[in-house]
Amino acid sequence: MTKTAPVLPFKIGQGYDLHRLVVGQKLMIGGVQIESPVGCEAHSDGDVVLHALIDALLGACALGDIGDHFPPSDDQYKGMDSSAFVAKVLPLVTDTGYGTGNVDVTIFLEKPKLGPYKLAIREKLAQLLDLPLHCISVKAKTAEKFPPVGTQEAIAASVTVLLYLST
């Protein structure tokens, strides 16, 4: 027997992504290109923040994960800008009757330092999600030289979203 869940006024989603860093690839973080000699090895553009955001949005709505919607085995997504993935996921969230309330992002990267880029990342996320800037938080952390992030082999991001019942 299946229970009927109550309609909740809020839902929380959490997403995480990690990519290997390699020489000669561009580094995209939160839809912003970062000046760096290394970038993400990935099927799409490897934007760990947007990938984690997508997983958080889909997870909050029990709609699977990024791989279910944009499988890396599908060549149509090769090299794709992850902002396009966000644009395709947002209507799925809206269709469940929820809107995005706020987003909290933590990026784990040893180098380059992200301080000069945090505002641009917040602005880009606010634009993609059609939210005011004060609803977007971006934090940058190092891994204190612990592998793989601390040894500059990888970048990771964790994103938490709060959705609110909009209907």
Protein backbone atom coordinates (compact mmCIF):
# COMPACT_ATOMS: atom_id res chain seq x y z
CA MET A 1 0.00 0.00 0.00
CA THR A 2 1.36 3.43 -0.96
CA LYS A 3 0.95 6.27 1.49
CA THR A 4 -0.02 9.72 0.27
CA ALA A 5 2.52 12.25 1.44
CA PRO A 6 1.35 15.64 2.66
CA VAL A 7 2.01 18.62 0.43
CA LEU A 8 4.89 20.37 2.13
CA PRO A 9 5.37 24.15 2.04
CA PHE A 10 9.13 23.68 1.60
CA LYS A 11 11.50 21.09 0.17
CA ILE A 12 15.26 20.87 0.52
CA GLY A 13 17.61 19.45 -2.10
CA GLN A 14 21.32 18.71 -1.88
CA GLY A 15 23.72 18.13 -4.75
CA TYR A 16 27.39 17.29 -5.05
CA ASP A 17 29.78 17.03 -7.98
CA LEU A 18 33.49 16.37 -8.43
CA HIS A 19 35.63 16.53 -11.57
CA ARG A 20 39.25 15.78 -12.33
CA LEU A 21 41.33 18.84 -13.29
CA VAL A 22 43.43 18.58 -16.45
CA VAL A 23 45.69 20.92 -18.38
CA GLY A 24 44.23 22.49 -21.49
CA GLN A 25 40.55 22.52 -20.50
CA LYS A 26 38.59 25.64 -19.58
CA LEU A 27 37.43 26.01 -16.00
CA MET A 28 33.74 26.87 -15.69
CA ILE A 29 32.35 27.47 -12.20
CA GLY A 30 28.76 28.53 -11.71
CA GLY A 31 28.49 29.62 -15.33
CA VAL A 32 31.57 31.84 -15.09
CA GLN A 33 34.82 31.10 -16.90
CA ILE A 34 37.72 31.20 -14.43
CA GLU A 35 41.25 32.09 -15.52
CA SER A 36 43.21 28.89 -14.92
CA PRO A 37 45.78 26.64 -16.62
CA VAL A 38 43.57 23.64 -15.77
CA GLY A 39 39.91 22.84 -16.27
CA CYS A 40 37.51 19.99 -15.80
CA GLU A 41 37.71 16.69 -17.57
CA ALA A 42 34.05 16.08 -18.45
CA HIS A 43 31.55 15.16 -21.12
CA SER A 44 29.89 18.60 -20.95
CA ASP A 45 31.67 21.76 -19.78
CA GLY A 46 32.27 20.14 -16.36
CA ASP A 47 30.76 22.99 -14.32
CA VAL A 48 30.68 21.37 -10.86
CA VAL A 49 28.51 24.10 -9.36
CA LEU A 50 25.81 23.89 -12.01
CA HIS A 51 25.92 20.08 -11.95
CA ALA A 52 25.50 20.05 -8.17
CA LEU A 53 22.74 22.68 -8.46
CA ILE A 54 20.87 20.52 -10.97
CA ASP A 55 21.15 17.49 -8.68
CA ALA A 56 19.89 19.57 -5.74
CA LEU A 57 16.88 20.86 -7.73
CA LEU A 58 16.01 17.43 -9.11
CA GLY A 59 16.57 15.75 -5.76
CA ALA A 60 14.28 18.14 -3.90
CA CYS A 61 11.49 17.19 -6.33
CA ALA A 62 12.34 13.46 -6.40
CA LEU A 63 13.06 13.69 -10.14
CA GLY A 64 16.29 11.70 -10.25
CA ASP A 65 19.69 13.18 -10.98
CA ILE A 66 21.61 14.91 -13.73
CA GLY A 67 22.70 11.62 -15.29
CA ASP A 68 19.07 10.51 -15.66
CA HIS A 69 18.21 13.63 -17.66
CA PHE A 70 21.52 14.31 -19.45
CA PRO A 71 23.43 11.01 -19.70
CA PRO A 72 27.15 11.33 -20.46
CA SER A 73 26.73 8.54 -23.00
CA ASP A 74 24.58 10.86 -25.16
CA ASP A 75 26.72 12.78 -27.66
CA GLN A 76 24.21 15.65 -27.91
CA TYR A 77 25.50 16.82 -24.50
CA LYS A 78 29.21 16.67 -25.41
CA GLY A 79 30.85 20.00 -24.55
CA MET A 80 27.47 21.53 -23.72
CA ASP A 81 27.22 24.66 -21.57
CA SER A 82 25.74 23.50 -18.26
CA SER A 83 23.60 26.66 -18.12
CA ALA A 84 21.46 24.98 -20.80
CA PHE A 85 20.93 22.02 -18.46
CA VAL A 86 19.73 24.38 -15.73
CA ALA A 87 17.30 25.99 -18.19
CA LYS A 88 15.88 22.55 -19.03
CA VAL A 89 15.52 21.49 -15.37
CA LEU A 90 13.80 24.62 -14.02
CA PRO A 91 10.47 23.92 -15.80
CA LEU A 92 10.51 20.42 -14.30
CA VAL A 93 10.75 21.98 -10.83
CA THR A 94 7.99 24.48 -11.63
CA ASP A 95 5.77 21.66 -12.89
CA THR A 96 5.90 20.09 -9.41
CA GLY A 97 4.43 23.31 -8.00
CA TYR A 98 7.61 24.59 -6.38
CA GLY A 99 9.86 27.60 -6.89
CA THR A 100 13.46 28.16 -5.82
CA GLY A 101 13.78 30.15 -2.60
CA ASN A 102 17.50 30.23 -1.96
CA VAL A 103 20.73 28.50 -2.92
CA ASP A 104 23.83 27.84 -0.82
CA VAL A 105 26.99 26.82 -2.72
CA THR A 106 30.33 25.59 -1.40
CA ILE A 107 33.19 25.15 -3.88
CA PHE A 108 36.24 23.07 -2.96
CA LEU A 109 39.32 24.10 -4.95
CA GLU A 110 42.95 24.64 -4.01
CA LYS A 111 43.92 26.93 -6.92
CA PRO A 112 43.06 29.37 -8.37
CA LYS A 113 41.65 31.34 -5.47
CA LEU A 114 38.00 32.15 -6.09
CA GLY A 115 37.63 35.32 -4.01
CA PRO A 116 37.71 37.61 -7.07
CA TYR A 117 35.06 35.47 -8.82
CA LYS A 118 32.49 34.86 -6.06
CA LEU A 119 30.33 37.88 -6.85
CA ALA A 120 30.26 37.06 -10.58
CA ILE A 121 29.25 33.47 -9.76
CA ARG A 122 26.48 34.70 -7.45
CA GLU A 123 25.27 37.09 -10.14
CA LYS A 124 25.24 34.36 -12.79
CA LEU A 125 23.33 31.96 -10.52
CA ALA A 126 20.83 34.70 -9.65
CA GLN A 127 20.33 35.34 -13.36
CA LEU A 128 19.91 31.63 -14.22
CA LEU A 129 17.43 31.08 -11.39
CA ASP A 130 15.69 34.47 -11.67
CA LEU A 131 16.39 35.18 -8.00
CA PRO A 132 17.58 38.28 -6.17
CA LEU A 133 21.29 38.27 -5.34
CA HIS A 134 20.64 38.04 -1.60
CA CYS A 135 19.15 34.56 -2.16
CA ILE A 136 22.44 33.16 -3.48
CA SER A 137 25.41 32.29 -1.26
CA VAL A 138 28.79 31.20 -2.65
CA LYS A 139 31.62 30.05 -0.42
CA ALA A 140 35.06 28.83 -1.47
CA LYS A 141 37.11 26.36 0.53
CA THR A 142 40.45 24.65 0.09
CA ALA A 143 41.12 21.05 1.08
CA GLU A 144 44.28 21.93 3.05
CA LYS A 145 46.42 19.86 0.66
CA PHE A 146 44.39 16.63 1.16
CA PRO A 147 43.77 14.70 -2.07
CA PRO A 148 42.25 14.93 -4.58
CA VAL A 149 41.15 18.58 -4.20
CA GLY A 150 44.04 19.63 -1.98
CA THR A 151 46.61 18.20 -4.36
CA GLN A 152 45.03 20.17 -7.22
CA GLU A 153 43.83 17.01 -8.96
CA ALA A 154 40.12 17.82 -8.66
CA ILE A 155 37.43 20.39 -7.98
CA ALA A 156 34.22 19.69 -6.08
CA ALA A 157 31.05 21.57 -5.21
CA SER A 158 28.18 21.06 -2.82
CA VAL A 159 24.86 22.88 -3.31
CA THR A 160 21.80 23.06 -1.09
CA VAL A 161 18.53 24.54 -2.32
CA LEU A 162 15.33 25.46 -0.55
CA LEU A 163 12.19 25.20 -2.65
CA TYR A 164 8.87 26.74 -1.65
CA LEU A 165 5.35 25.72 -2.63
CA SER A 166 4.38 28.24 -5.29
CA THR A 167 0.90 27.06 -6.24
